[in-house]
Amino acid sequence: MTDTHDLDRFIQLFGVPPVAIPYLDQMVTSIEMRLVVAADGSTLTTESAQQSLGLTAEEAREALEQAFRRGVLDRDLGDGEQAYTPTDFYTRMDIMATFETEWDELPVDLRRELDEWMLQKYMDRVRPNVELLMEGKPAQGSPGNDSVLLVEELDAVIDSASTIVVVPCNCRRIAQNCSRPVETCIQFNRTAEKKLARGYGRRLTHEEAKRLARWADKKGLMHTTDLRPGEDGPAPICNCCADDCYVFRAAVRLGSKGAWPRSRYVASFDPERCQLCGACVKRCHFGAFHHDGTTVHRAGMELRNVAFDPSKCWGCGLCAPVCLPEAITMAPLAR
């Protein structure tokens, strides 16, 4: 796209932040920009795209489908034919970072700035409902990932789904602040089917999904989802870390710990049973279990003492399975 007016119009329609403008040719193609401008906030069909861009019918179909696969357009069935609606820059970056190696080719500083921009956009979206939850009021709609679950609670969520796919965690792909596993986001039903339609995602059986959830737990990932399924079935299960994942990063900034995502358990610690191995310290994302700077003499050895601060516990349950002397148990909170 060489027309300055059209470029400016695309930037406006697609919500491109200033930091990304010099790199647009690495993020969207010229024809994708033209499709967004041609739609002008409405929808496109093969025929209207063909007329607006001067393409053959086959070229228009391929251009629309490619833009759909790459998250520049959404697709729906309207009046008996496919209708395509522009998404926005956030959606395109989410697809690009999650599924395309081109994200890794962008300058590191740019990726950091885009991560921060996307996190702020995410916070703007969830903030109204999160603030209601923090005030003890019912939310107008779920902000998503409303509860922290123990790994064994995920089975019932998985069993209620008809279609299951696993896709890379978009948060860890975007931020890349840790080395924990990436292919861990479990999606269901319509959300899963939309990923498959775009050409992404790997189908899982119910048993494979359960095994994946337990593997993610062993790798030190927390689990969040909405407890109440929506019209299309269960919400995705996110296997999260505190370093990258938008849910926990946003919750820390918003000060919504306990309210969103809702903590349903808290760890209970018996220091008399603790063998001071420190496994819980390594697993805890928030420093609830920590070395307090003191030492304890045990069996002729001087070991670092393990302490527990329940006010920092989010109830994820990662600590309890690795505690061999069972000094840690998970106690349910009042609901």
C-alpha atoms as a PDB file:
ATOM      1  CA  MET A   1       0.000   0.000   0.000  1.00  0.00           C
ATOM      2  CA  THR A   2       1.630   3.215  -1.177  1.00  0.00           C
ATOM      3  CA  ASP A   3      -1.317   5.615  -0.865  1.00  0.00           C
ATOM      4  CA  THR A   4      -0.638   7.686   2.271  1.00  0.00           C
ATOM      5  CA  HIS A   5      -4.324   8.342   2.865  1.00  0.00           C
ATOM      6  CA  ASP A   6      -5.146   4.636   2.745  1.00  0.00           C
ATOM      7  CA  LEU A   7      -2.223   3.834   5.052  1.00  0.00           C
ATOM      8  CA  ASP A   8      -3.391   6.424   7.559  1.00  0.00           C
ATOM      9  CA  ARG A   9      -6.926   5.076   7.296  1.00  0.00           C
ATOM     10  CA  PHE A  10      -5.733   1.512   7.948  1.00  0.00           C
ATOM     11  CA  ILE A  11      -3.750   2.631  11.010  1.00  0.00           C
ATOM     12  CA  GLN A  12      -6.865   4.352  12.342  1.00  0.00           C
ATOM     13  CA  LEU A  13      -9.314   1.538  11.562  1.00  0.00           C
ATOM     14  CA  PHE A  14      -7.042  -1.225  12.827  1.00  0.00           C
ATOM     15  CA  GLY A  15      -5.926   0.553  16.000  1.00  0.00           C
ATOM     16  CA  VAL A  16      -2.192   0.388  15.288  1.00  0.00           C
ATOM     17  CA  PRO A  17      -0.065   1.901  18.085  1.00  0.00           C
ATOM     18  CA  PRO A  18       2.614   4.413  16.999  1.00  0.00           C
ATOM     19  CA  VAL A  19       5.473   2.116  18.040  1.00  0.00           C
ATOM     20  CA  ALA A  20       4.393  -0.500  15.491  1.00  0.00           C
ATOM     21  CA  ILE A  21       3.922   1.771  12.466  1.00  0.00           C
ATOM     22  CA  PRO A  22       7.534   1.530  11.180  1.00  0.00           C
ATOM     23  CA  TYR A  23       7.238  -2.286  11.219  1.00  0.00           C
ATOM     24  CA  LEU A  24       3.811  -2.708   9.627  1.00  0.00           C
ATOM     25  CA  ASP A  25       5.212  -4.413   6.540  1.00  0.00           C
ATOM     26  CA  GLN A  26       6.448  -7.213   8.836  1.00  0.00           C
ATOM     27  CA  MET A  27       3.045  -7.590  10.508  1.00  0.00           C
ATOM     28  CA  VAL A  28       0.447  -7.246   7.760  1.00  0.00           C
ATOM     29  CA  THR A  29       0.580  -7.489   3.983  1.00  0.00           C
ATOM     30  CA  SER A  30      -0.389  -4.735   1.574  1.00  0.00           C
ATOM     31  CA  ILE A  31      -3.477  -6.616   0.465  1.00  0.00           C
ATOM     32  CA  GLU A  32      -4.549  -7.164   4.089  1.00  0.00           C
ATOM     33  CA  MET A  33      -4.347  -3.404   4.649  1.00  0.00           C
ATOM     34  CA  ARG A  34      -6.416  -2.813   1.540  1.00  0.00           C
ATOM     35  CA  LEU A  35      -9.052  -5.287   2.699  1.00  0.00           C
ATOM     36  CA  VAL A  36      -9.410  -3.520   6.055  1.00  0.00           C
ATOM     37  CA  VAL A  37      -9.732  -0.132   4.363  1.00  0.00           C
ATOM     38  CA  ALA A  38     -12.222  -1.512   1.845  1.00  0.00           C
ATOM     39  CA  ALA A  39     -14.382  -2.927   4.646  1.00  0.00           C
ATOM     40  CA  ASP A  40     -14.282   0.463   6.419  1.00  0.00           C
ATOM     41  CA  GLY A  41     -15.611  -0.965   9.666  1.00  0.00           C
ATOM     42  CA  SER A  42     -18.249  -3.122   7.967  1.00  0.00           C
ATOM     43  CA  THR A  43     -18.066  -6.516   6.238  1.00  0.00           C
ATOM     44  CA  LEU A  44     -16.664  -7.895   3.011  1.00  0.00           C
ATOM     45  CA  THR A  45     -17.783 -10.706   0.754  1.00  0.00           C
ATOM     46  CA  THR A  46     -15.839 -12.291  -2.067  1.00  0.00           C
ATOM     47  CA  GLU A  47     -17.750 -10.154  -4.528  1.00  0.00           C
ATOM     48  CA  SER A  48     -17.238  -6.848  -2.692  1.00  0.00           C
ATOM     49  CA  ALA A  49     -13.535  -7.603  -2.127  1.00  0.00           C
ATOM     50  CA  GLN A  50     -13.175  -8.458  -5.802  1.00  0.00           C
ATOM     51  CA  GLN A  51     -14.735  -5.173  -6.853  1.00  0.00           C
ATOM     52  CA  SER A  52     -12.925  -2.990  -4.290  1.00  0.00           C
ATOM     53  CA  LEU A  53      -9.466  -4.401  -4.921  1.00  0.00           C
ATOM     54  CA  GLY A  54      -9.768  -5.210  -8.619  1.00  0.00           C
ATOM     55  CA  LEU A  55      -9.129  -8.921  -8.123  1.00  0.00           C
ATOM     56  CA  THR A  56     -10.435 -12.040  -9.780  1.00  0.00           C
ATOM     57  CA  ALA A  57     -12.940 -14.067  -7.771  1.00  0.00           C
ATOM     58  CA  GLU A  58     -10.287 -16.662  -6.947  1.00  0.00           C
ATOM     59  CA  GLU A  59      -7.774 -13.996  -5.889  1.00  0.00           C
ATOM     60  CA  ALA A  60     -10.387 -12.347  -3.681  1.00  0.00           C
ATOM     61  CA  ARG A  61     -11.322 -15.657  -2.002  1.00  0.00           C
ATOM     62  CA  GLU A  62      -7.670 -16.477  -1.301  1.00  0.00           C
ATOM     63  CA  ALA A  63      -6.933 -12.974   0.006  1.00  0.00           C
ATOM     64  CA  LEU A  64      -9.903 -13.082   2.363  1.00  0.00           C
ATOM     65  CA  GLU A  65      -9.057 -16.572   3.630  1.00  0.00           C
ATOM     66  CA  GLN A  66      -5.411 -15.682   4.219  1.00  0.00           C
ATOM     67  CA  ALA A  67      -6.433 -12.572   6.132  1.00  0.00           C
ATOM     68  CA  PHE A  68      -8.799 -14.748   8.189  1.00  0.00           C
ATOM     69  CA  ARG A  69      -6.083 -17.313   8.961  1.00  0.00           C
ATOM     70  CA  ARG A  70      -3.722 -14.534  10.046  1.00  0.00           C
ATOM     71  CA  GLY A  71      -6.247 -12.882  12.338  1.00  0.00           C
ATOM     72  CA  VAL A  72      -6.716  -9.720  10.252  1.00  0.00           C
ATOM     73  CA  LEU A  73     -10.332 -10.653   9.474  1.00  0.00           C
ATOM     74  CA  ASP A  74     -12.998 -12.664  11.250  1.00  0.00           C
ATOM     75  CA  ARG A  75     -15.263 -14.906   9.228  1.00  0.00           C
ATOM     76  CA  ASP A  76     -18.949 -15.691   9.544  1.00  0.00           C
ATOM     77  CA  LEU A  77     -21.754 -17.042   7.386  1.00  0.00           C
ATOM     78  CA  GLY A  78     -24.100 -14.255   6.338  1.00  0.00           C
ATOM     79  CA  ASP A  79     -26.985 -14.514   3.874  1.00  0.00           C
ATOM     80  CA  GLY A  80     -25.731 -17.833   2.586  1.00  0.00           C
ATOM     81  CA  GLU A  81     -22.135 -16.762   1.895  1.00  0.00           C
ATOM     82  CA  GLN A  82     -18.983 -16.072   3.865  1.00  0.00           C
ATOM     83  CA  ALA A  83     -18.798 -12.583   5.363  1.00  0.00           C
ATOM     84  CA  TYR A  84     -15.507 -11.159   6.643  1.00  0.00           C
ATOM     85  CA  THR A  85     -15.131  -8.450   9.267  1.00  0.00           C
ATOM     86  CA  PRO A  86     -11.870  -6.702  10.232  1.00  0.00           C
ATOM     87  CA  THR A  87     -10.479  -7.503  13.663  1.00  0.00           C
ATOM     88  CA  ASP A  88      -7.899  -5.152  15.176  1.00  0.00           C
ATOM     89  CA  PHE A  89      -4.174  -4.849  15.760  1.00  0.00           C
ATOM     90  CA  TYR A  90      -4.380  -6.601  19.138  1.00  0.00           C
ATOM     91  CA  THR A  91      -5.990  -9.668  17.562  1.00  0.00           C
ATOM     92  CA  ARG A  92      -3.458  -9.755  14.729  1.00  0.00           C
ATOM     93  CA  MET A  93      -0.541  -9.526  17.166  1.00  0.00           C
ATOM     94  CA  ASP A  94      -2.052 -12.267  19.313  1.00  0.00           C
ATOM     95  CA  ILE A  95      -2.199 -14.617  16.305  1.00  0.00           C
ATOM     96  CA  MET A  96       1.219 -13.549  15.047  1.00  0.00           C
ATOM     97  CA  ALA A  97       2.953 -14.024  18.384  1.00  0.00           C
ATOM     98  CA  THR A  98       1.223 -17.312  19.155  1.00  0.00           C
ATOM     99  CA  PHE A  99       1.560 -19.108  15.842  1.00  0.00           C
ATOM    100  CA  GLU A 100       4.074 -17.348  13.584  1.00  0.00           C
ATOM    101  CA  THR A 101       7.867 -17.345  13.796  1.00  0.00           C
ATOM    102  CA  GLU A 102       7.864 -13.798  12.377  1.00  0.00           C
ATOM    103  CA  TRP A 103       7.107 -12.556  15.897  1.00  0.00           C
ATOM    104  CA  ASP A 104      10.532 -13.758  17.020  1.00  0.00           C
ATOM    105  CA  GLU A 105      12.158 -11.851  14.154  1.00  0.00           C
ATOM    106  CA  LEU A 106      10.903  -8.487  15.408  1.00  0.00           C
ATOM    107  CA  PRO A 107      13.411  -6.456  17.466  1.00  0.00           C
ATOM    108  CA  VAL A 108      13.409  -7.437  21.130  1.00  0.00           C
ATOM    109  CA  ASP A 109      12.732  -3.866  22.284  1.00  0.00           C
ATOM    110  CA  LEU A 110       9.715  -3.667  19.986  1.00  0.00           C
ATOM    111  CA  ARG A 111       8.343  -6.966  21.303  1.00  0.00           C
ATOM    112  CA  ARG A 112       8.724  -5.666  24.858  1.00  0.00           C
ATOM    113  CA  GLU A 113       6.837  -2.496  23.989  1.00  0.00           C
ATOM    114  CA  LEU A 114       4.087  -4.423  22.212  1.00  0.00           C
ATOM    115  CA  ASP A 115       3.784  -6.802  25.171  1.00  0.00           C
ATOM    116  CA  GLU A 116       3.263  -3.839  27.478  1.00  0.00           C
ATOM    117  CA  TRP A 117       0.787  -2.237  25.065  1.00  0.00           C
ATOM    118  CA  MET A 118      -1.203  -5.470  24.802  1.00  0.00           C
ATOM    119  CA  LEU A 119      -1.177  -5.983  28.553  1.00  0.00           C
ATOM    120  CA  GLN A 120      -2.577  -2.485  29.031  1.00  0.00           C
ATOM    121  CA  LYS A 121      -5.286  -3.163  26.428  1.00  0.00           C
ATOM    122  CA  TYR A 122      -6.126  -6.405  28.217  1.00  0.00           C
ATOM    123  CA  MET A 123      -6.330  -4.603  31.558  1.00  0.00           C
ATOM    124  CA  ASP A 124      -8.601  -1.935  30.073  1.00  0.00           C
ATOM    125  CA  ARG A 125     -10.939  -4.682  28.886  1.00  0.00           C
ATOM    126  CA  VAL A 126     -11.168  -6.622  32.167  1.00  0.00           C
ATOM    127  CA  ARG A 127     -10.902  -3.711  34.611  1.00  0.00           C
ATOM    128  CA  PRO A 128     -14.635  -2.778  34.897  1.00  0.00           C
ATOM    129  CA  ASN A 129     -15.711  -6.295  35.863  1.00  0.00           C
ATOM    130  CA  VAL A 130     -12.643  -6.934  38.003  1.00  0.00           C
ATOM    131  CA  GLU A 131     -13.347  -3.787  40.003  1.00  0.00           C
ATOM    132  CA  LEU A 132     -16.923  -4.966  40.593  1.00  0.00           C
ATOM    133  CA  LEU A 133     -15.616  -8.301  41.866  1.00  0.00           C
ATOM    134  CA  MET A 134     -13.146  -6.511  44.135  1.00  0.00           C
ATOM    135  CA  GLU A 135     -16.078  -4.584  45.620  1.00  0.00           C
ATOM    136  CA  GLY A 136     -17.934  -7.822  46.278  1.00  0.00           C
ATOM    137  CA  LYS A 137     -20.486  -7.072  43.565  1.00  0.00           C
ATOM    138  CA  PRO A 138     -21.523  -9.393  40.737  1.00  0.00           C
ATOM    139  CA  ALA A 139     -19.710  -8.760  37.484  1.00  0.00           C
ATOM    140  CA  GLN A 140     -21.689  -7.689  34.425  1.00  0.00           C
ATOM    141  CA  GLY A 141     -19.846 -10.386  32.499  1.00  0.00           C
ATOM    142  CA  SER A 142     -16.945 -12.677  33.172  1.00  0.00           C
ATOM    143  CA  PRO A 143     -13.552 -11.032  32.728  1.00  0.00           C
ATOM    144  CA  GLY A 144     -12.328 -14.536  31.873  1.00  0.00           C
ATOM    145  CA  ASN A 145     -10.149 -16.868  33.920  1.00  0.00           C
ATOM    146  CA  ASP A 146     -12.316 -16.126  36.929  1.00  0.00           C
ATOM    147  CA  SER A 147     -10.967 -18.849  39.242  1.00  0.00           C
ATOM    148  CA  VAL A 148      -7.756 -20.633  40.186  1.00  0.00           C
ATOM    149  CA  LEU A 149      -8.314 -24.403  40.145  1.00  0.00           C
ATOM    150  CA  LEU A 150      -6.388 -27.353  41.526  1.00  0.00           C
ATOM    151  CA  VAL A 151      -5.238 -29.760  38.847  1.00  0.00           C
ATOM    152  CA  GLU A 152      -7.621 -32.516  39.898  1.00  0.00           C
ATOM    153  CA  GLU A 153     -10.563 -30.141  39.416  1.00  0.00           C
ATOM    154  CA  LEU A 154      -9.812 -29.796  35.718  1.00  0.00           C
ATOM    155  CA  ASP A 155     -11.132 -33.262  34.845  1.00  0.00           C
ATOM    156  CA  ALA A 156     -14.768 -32.197  35.184  1.00  0.00           C
ATOM    157  CA  VAL A 157     -14.174 -29.177  32.930  1.00  0.00           C
ATOM    158  CA  ILE A 158     -12.520 -31.342  30.289  1.00  0.00           C
ATOM    159  CA  ASP A 159     -15.225 -34.019  30.461  1.00  0.00           C
ATOM    160  CA  SER A 160     -17.915 -31.419  29.690  1.00  0.00           C
ATOM    161  CA  ALA A 161     -16.343 -30.467  26.326  1.00  0.00           C
ATOM    162  CA  SER A 162     -17.117 -31.873  22.900  1.00  0.00           C
ATOM    163  CA  THR A 163     -14.168 -30.487  20.905  1.00  0.00           C
ATOM    164  CA  ILE A 164     -10.745 -30.081  22.511  1.00  0.00           C
ATOM    165  CA  VAL A 165      -7.576 -28.563  21.080  1.00  0.00           C
ATOM    166  CA  VAL A 166      -4.277 -27.463  22.541  1.00  0.00           C
ATOM    167  CA  VAL A 167      -2.563 -24.321  21.280  1.00  0.00           C
ATOM    168  CA  PRO A 168       0.533 -22.436  22.427  1.00  0.00           C
ATOM    169  CA  CYS A 169       0.103 -20.111  25.387  1.00  0.00           C
ATOM    170  CA  ASN A 170      -0.178 -16.694  23.777  1.00  0.00           C
ATOM    171  CA  CYS A 171       1.083 -14.953  26.932  1.00  0.00           C
ATOM    172  CA  ARG A 172       4.337 -16.902  27.079  1.00  0.00           C
ATOM    173  CA  ARG A 173       4.816 -16.542  23.328  1.00  0.00           C
ATOM    174  CA  ILE A 174       4.307 -12.770  23.555  1.00  0.00           C
ATOM    175  CA  ALA A 175       6.312 -11.987  26.696  1.00  0.00           C
ATOM    176  CA  GLN A 176       8.920 -14.780  26.718  1.00  0.00           C
ATOM    177  CA  ASN A 177       9.972 -14.050  30.296  1.00  0.00           C
ATOM    178  CA  CYS A 178      10.395 -17.690  31.338  1.00  0.00           C
ATOM    179  CA  SER A 179      11.324 -21.070  29.912  1.00  0.00           C
ATOM    180  CA  ARG A 180       8.235 -23.003  31.025  1.00  0.00           C
ATOM    181  CA  PRO A 181       6.361 -25.093  28.410  1.00  0.00           C
ATOM    182  CA  VAL A 182       4.393 -23.179  25.786  1.00  0.00           C
ATOM    183  CA  GLU A 183       1.976 -25.653  24.146  1.00  0.00           C
ATOM    184  CA  THR A 184      -0.367 -25.751  27.142  1.00  0.00           C
ATOM    185  CA  CYS A 185      -3.521 -23.719  26.416  1.00  0.00           C
ATOM    186  CA  ILE A 186      -6.513 -26.088  26.291  1.00  0.00           C
ATOM    187  CA  GLN A 187      -9.499 -24.742  24.355  1.00  0.00           C
ATOM    188  CA  PHE A 188     -12.955 -26.168  23.870  1.00  0.00           C
ATOM    189  CA  ASN A 189     -15.950 -26.296  21.542  1.00  0.00           C
ATOM    190  CA  ARG A 190     -16.547 -23.133  19.489  1.00  0.00           C
ATOM    191  CA  THR A 191     -13.274 -21.485  20.528  1.00  0.00           C
ATOM    192  CA  ALA A 192     -11.418 -24.680  19.617  1.00  0.00           C
ATOM    193  CA  GLU A 193     -13.274 -25.028  16.334  1.00  0.00           C
ATOM    194  CA  LYS A 194     -12.396 -21.467  15.368  1.00  0.00           C
ATOM    195  CA  LYS A 195      -8.716 -22.201  15.926  1.00  0.00           C
ATOM    196  CA  LEU A 196      -9.001 -25.307  13.778  1.00  0.00           C
ATOM    197  CA  ALA A 197     -10.753 -23.286  11.058  1.00  0.00           C
ATOM    198  CA  ARG A 198      -7.806 -20.885  11.015  1.00  0.00           C
ATOM    199  CA  GLY A 199      -5.473 -23.857  10.654  1.00  0.00           C
ATOM    200  CA  TYR A 200      -4.125 -23.832  14.200  1.00  0.00           C
ATOM    201  CA  GLY A 201      -4.365 -26.134  17.173  1.00  0.00           C
ATOM    202  CA  ARG A 202      -3.891 -29.846  17.795  1.00  0.00           C
ATOM    203  CA  ARG A 203      -6.920 -31.995  18.569  1.00  0.00           C
ATOM    204  CA  LEU A 204      -6.912 -33.869  21.873  1.00  0.00           C
ATOM    205  CA  THR A 205      -9.018 -36.636  23.297  1.00  0.00           C
ATOM    206  CA  HIS A 206     -10.421 -36.135  26.772  1.00  0.00           C
ATOM    207  CA  GLU A 207      -7.746 -38.390  28.261  1.00  0.00           C
ATOM    208  CA  GLU A 208      -4.969 -36.624  26.374  1.00  0.00           C
ATOM    209  CA  ALA A 209      -6.208 -33.278  27.685  1.00  0.00           C
ATOM    210  CA  LYS A 210      -6.194 -34.582  31.258  1.00  0.00           C
ATOM    211  CA  ARG A 211      -2.657 -35.904  30.860  1.00  0.00           C
ATOM    212  CA  LEU A 212      -1.563 -32.566  29.413  1.00  0.00           C
ATOM    213  CA  ALA A 213      -3.043 -30.699  32.378  1.00  0.00           C
ATOM    214  CA  ARG A 214      -1.159 -32.918  34.839  1.00  0.00           C
ATOM    215  CA  TRP A 215       2.067 -32.545  32.848  1.00  0.00           C
ATOM    216  CA  ALA A 216       1.653 -28.762  32.928  1.00  0.00           C
ATOM    217  CA  ASP A 217       1.109 -28.959  36.681  1.00  0.00           C
ATOM    218  CA  LYS A 218       4.342 -30.942  37.117  1.00  0.00           C
ATOM    219  CA  LYS A 219       6.137 -28.284  35.069  1.00  0.00           C
ATOM    220  CA  GLY A 220       5.029 -25.664  37.587  1.00  0.00           C
ATOM    221  CA  LEU A 221       2.080 -24.050  35.820  1.00  0.00           C
ATOM    222  CA  MET A 222      -1.044 -22.807  37.614  1.00  0.00           C
ATOM    223  CA  HIS A 223      -4.537 -23.438  36.261  1.00  0.00           C
ATOM    224  CA  THR A 224      -7.310 -20.907  35.621  1.00  0.00           C
ATOM    225  CA  THR A 225     -10.674 -21.019  33.872  1.00  0.00           C
ATOM    226  CA  ASP A 226     -14.254 -19.837  34.325  1.00  0.00           C
ATOM    227  CA  LEU A 227     -16.110 -22.104  36.733  1.00  0.00           C
ATOM    228  CA  ARG A 228     -19.407 -21.564  34.929  1.00  0.00           C
ATOM    229  CA  PRO A 229     -19.498 -22.669  31.300  1.00  0.00           C
ATOM    230  CA  GLY A 230     -20.819 -20.262  28.694  1.00  0.00           C
ATOM    231  CA  GLU A 231     -23.343 -20.875  25.941  1.00  0.00           C
ATOM    232  CA  ASP A 232     -20.677 -22.684  23.916  1.00  0.00           C
ATOM    233  CA  GLY A 233     -19.469 -24.870  26.767  1.00  0.00           C
ATOM    234  CA  PRO A 234     -16.453 -24.598  29.052  1.00  0.00           C
ATOM    235  CA  ALA A 235     -14.049 -21.668  28.873  1.00  0.00           C
ATOM    236  CA  PRO A 236     -10.425 -22.399  27.975  1.00  0.00           C
ATOM    237  CA  ILE A 237      -8.107 -23.803  30.624  1.00  0.00           C
ATOM    238  CA  CYS A 238      -5.045 -21.605  30.884  1.00  0.00           C
ATOM    239  CA  ASN A 239      -1.943 -23.154  32.406  1.00  0.00           C
ATOM    240  CA  CYS A 240      -0.297 -20.040  33.716  1.00  0.00           C
ATOM    241  CA  CYS A 241       2.892 -18.593  35.110  1.00  0.00           C
ATOM    242  CA  ALA A 242       3.283 -15.299  36.956  1.00  0.00           C
ATOM    243  CA  ASP A 243       6.142 -14.160  34.716  1.00  0.00           C
ATOM    244  CA  ASP A 244       4.262 -13.979  31.417  1.00  0.00           C
ATOM    245  CA  CYS A 245       0.556 -14.637  31.807  1.00  0.00           C
ATOM    246  CA  TYR A 246      -1.697 -11.623  31.457  1.00  0.00           C
ATOM    247  CA  VAL A 247      -4.209 -12.860  34.038  1.00  0.00           C
ATOM    248  CA  PHE A 248      -1.749 -12.827  36.911  1.00  0.00           C
ATOM    249  CA  ARG A 249       0.282  -9.855  35.687  1.00  0.00           C
ATOM    250  CA  ALA A 250      -2.919  -7.838  35.365  1.00  0.00           C
ATOM    251  CA  ALA A 251      -4.224  -9.066  38.731  1.00  0.00           C
ATOM    252  CA  VAL A 252      -1.030  -7.963  40.471  1.00  0.00           C
ATOM    253  CA  ARG A 253      -1.252  -4.499  38.913  1.00  0.00           C
ATOM    254  CA  LEU A 254      -4.971  -4.175  39.641  1.00  0.00           C
ATOM    255  CA  GLY A 255      -4.552  -5.457  43.198  1.00  0.00           C
ATOM    256  CA  SER A 256      -7.288  -8.028  42.646  1.00  0.00           C
ATOM    257  CA  LYS A 257      -5.642 -11.022  44.362  1.00  0.00           C
ATOM    258  CA  GLY A 258      -8.267 -13.383  45.739  1.00  0.00           C
ATOM    259  CA  ALA A 259     -11.154 -11.675  43.921  1.00  0.00           C
ATOM    260  CA  TRP A 260      -9.890 -12.184  40.360  1.00  0.00           C
ATOM    261  CA  PRO A 261      -8.822 -14.740  39.599  1.00  0.00           C
ATOM    262  CA  ARG A 262     -10.732 -16.024  42.600  1.00  0.00           C
ATOM    263  CA  SER A 263      -8.736 -18.014  45.120  1.00  0.00           C
ATOM    264  CA  ARG A 264     -10.725 -21.031  46.277  1.00  0.00           C
ATOM    265  CA  TYR A 265      -8.025 -22.579  48.483  1.00  0.00           C
ATOM    266  CA  VAL A 266      -5.112 -21.537  50.636  1.00  0.00           C
ATOM    267  CA  ALA A 267      -2.102 -23.627  51.560  1.00  0.00           C
ATOM    268  CA  SER A 268      -1.910 -24.892  55.135  1.00  0.00           C
ATOM    269  CA  PHE A 269       1.660 -25.390  56.389  1.00  0.00           C
ATOM    270  CA  ASP A 270       2.883 -27.553  59.278  1.00  0.00           C
ATOM    271  CA  PRO A 271       6.503 -26.489  59.945  1.00  0.00           C
ATOM    272  CA  GLU A 272       7.011 -29.419  62.308  1.00  0.00           C
ATOM    273  CA  ARG A 273       6.637 -31.878  59.433  1.00  0.00           C
ATOM    274  CA  CYS A 274       8.727 -29.795  57.003  1.00  0.00           C
ATOM    275  CA  GLN A 275      12.062 -31.361  55.987  1.00  0.00           C
ATOM    276  CA  LEU A 276      13.370 -28.041  54.594  1.00  0.00           C
ATOM    277  CA  CYS A 277      13.944 -29.450  51.122  1.00  0.00           C
ATOM    278  CA  GLY A 278      12.834 -26.179  49.548  1.00  0.00           C
ATOM    279  CA  ALA A 279      10.768 -27.810  46.778  1.00  0.00           C
ATOM    280  CA  CYS A 280       7.768 -25.634  47.645  1.00  0.00           C
ATOM    281  CA  VAL A 281       9.931 -22.508  47.435  1.00  0.00           C
ATOM    282  CA  LYS A 282      10.925 -23.373  43.876  1.00  0.00           C
ATOM    283  CA  ARG A 283       7.306 -24.039  42.885  1.00  0.00           C
ATOM    284  CA  CYS A 284       5.661 -20.951  44.381  1.00  0.00           C
ATOM    285  CA  HIS A 285       5.197 -18.114  41.879  1.00  0.00           C
ATOM    286  CA  PHE A 286       4.490 -15.468  44.505  1.00  0.00           C
ATOM    287  CA  GLY A 287       6.963 -16.081  47.337  1.00  0.00           C
ATOM    288  CA  ALA A 288       4.347 -17.405  49.758  1.00  0.00           C
ATOM    289  CA  PHE A 289       6.797 -20.206  50.537  1.00  0.00           C
ATOM    290  CA  HIS A 290      10.230 -18.684  50.891  1.00  0.00           C
ATOM    291  CA  HIS A 291      13.573 -18.895  52.629  1.00  0.00           C
ATOM    292  CA  ASP A 292      13.415 -16.351  55.437  1.00  0.00           C
ATOM    293  CA  GLY A 293      17.171 -15.880  55.830  1.00  0.00           C
ATOM    294  CA  THR A 294      17.535 -18.065  58.916  1.00  0.00           C
ATOM    295  CA  THR A 295      19.021 -21.547  59.160  1.00  0.00           C
ATOM    296  CA  VAL A 296      18.040 -24.683  61.048  1.00  0.00           C
ATOM    297  CA  HIS A 297      20.320 -27.517  62.193  1.00  0.00           C
ATOM    298  CA  ARG A 298      18.996 -30.912  61.160  1.00  0.00           C
ATOM    299  CA  ALA A 299      20.891 -34.222  61.243  1.00  0.00           C
ATOM    300  CA  GLY A 300      24.231 -32.477  61.489  1.00  0.00           C
ATOM    301  CA  MET A 301      23.451 -30.132  58.607  1.00  0.00           C
ATOM    302  CA  GLU A 302      22.685 -26.446  58.529  1.00  0.00           C
ATOM    303  CA  LEU A 303      19.659 -25.963  56.271  1.00  0.00           C
ATOM    304  CA  ARG A 304      17.913 -22.837  55.115  1.00  0.00           C
ATOM    305  CA  ASN A 305      14.632 -22.393  56.925  1.00  0.00           C
ATOM    306  CA  VAL A 306      11.364 -22.469  54.962  1.00  0.00           C
ATOM    307  CA  ALA A 307       8.664 -19.992  55.960  1.00  0.00           C
ATOM    308  CA  PHE A 308       5.122 -19.483  54.717  1.00  0.00           C
ATOM    309  CA  ASP A 309       3.187 -16.225  54.297  1.00  0.00           C
ATOM    310  CA  PRO A 310      -0.491 -17.096  53.679  1.00  0.00           C
ATOM    311  CA  SER A 311      -1.267 -13.516  52.589  1.00  0.00           C
ATOM    312  CA  LYS A 312       0.784 -14.177  49.438  1.00  0.00           C
ATOM    313  CA  CYS A 313      -0.885 -17.509  48.619  1.00  0.00           C
ATOM    314  CA  TRP A 314      -3.135 -17.590  45.534  1.00  0.00           C
ATOM    315  CA  GLY A 315      -4.341 -21.145  46.204  1.00  0.00           C
ATOM    316  CA  CYS A 316      -2.938 -22.726  43.043  1.00  0.00           C
ATOM    317  CA  GLY A 317      -1.870 -25.936  44.815  1.00  0.00           C
ATOM    318  CA  LEU A 318       1.495 -26.322  43.088  1.00  0.00           C
ATOM    319  CA  CYS A 319       3.260 -26.680  46.429  1.00  0.00           C
ATOM    320  CA  ALA A 320       1.353 -29.580  48.002  1.00  0.00           C
ATOM    321  CA  PRO A 321       2.166 -32.411  45.531  1.00  0.00           C
ATOM    322  CA  VAL A 322       5.937 -31.908  45.872  1.00  0.00           C
ATOM    323  CA  CYS A 323       5.908 -31.939  49.673  1.00  0.00           C
ATOM    324  CA  LEU A 324       6.849 -35.556  50.474  1.00  0.00           C
ATOM    325  CA  PRO A 325       6.342 -35.320  54.257  1.00  0.00           C
ATOM    326  CA  GLU A 326       2.903 -33.785  53.565  1.00  0.00           C
ATOM    327  CA  ALA A 327       3.653 -30.643  55.526  1.00  0.00           C
ATOM    328  CA  ILE A 328       1.461 -28.760  53.032  1.00  0.00           C
ATOM    329  CA  THR A 329      -2.223 -29.352  52.405  1.00  0.00           C
ATOM    330  CA  MET A 330      -4.750 -27.229  50.537  1.00  0.00           C
ATOM    331  CA  ALA A 331      -7.597 -25.876  52.685  1.00  0.00           C
ATOM    332  CA  PRO A 332     -10.789 -24.666  50.961  1.00  0.00           C
ATOM    333  CA  LEU A 333     -11.788 -21.068  51.514  1.00  0.00           C
ATOM    334  CA  ALA A 334     -15.328 -20.037  52.406  1.00  0.00           C
ATOM    335  CA  ARG A 335     -17.420 -19.623  49.217  1.00  0.00           C
END
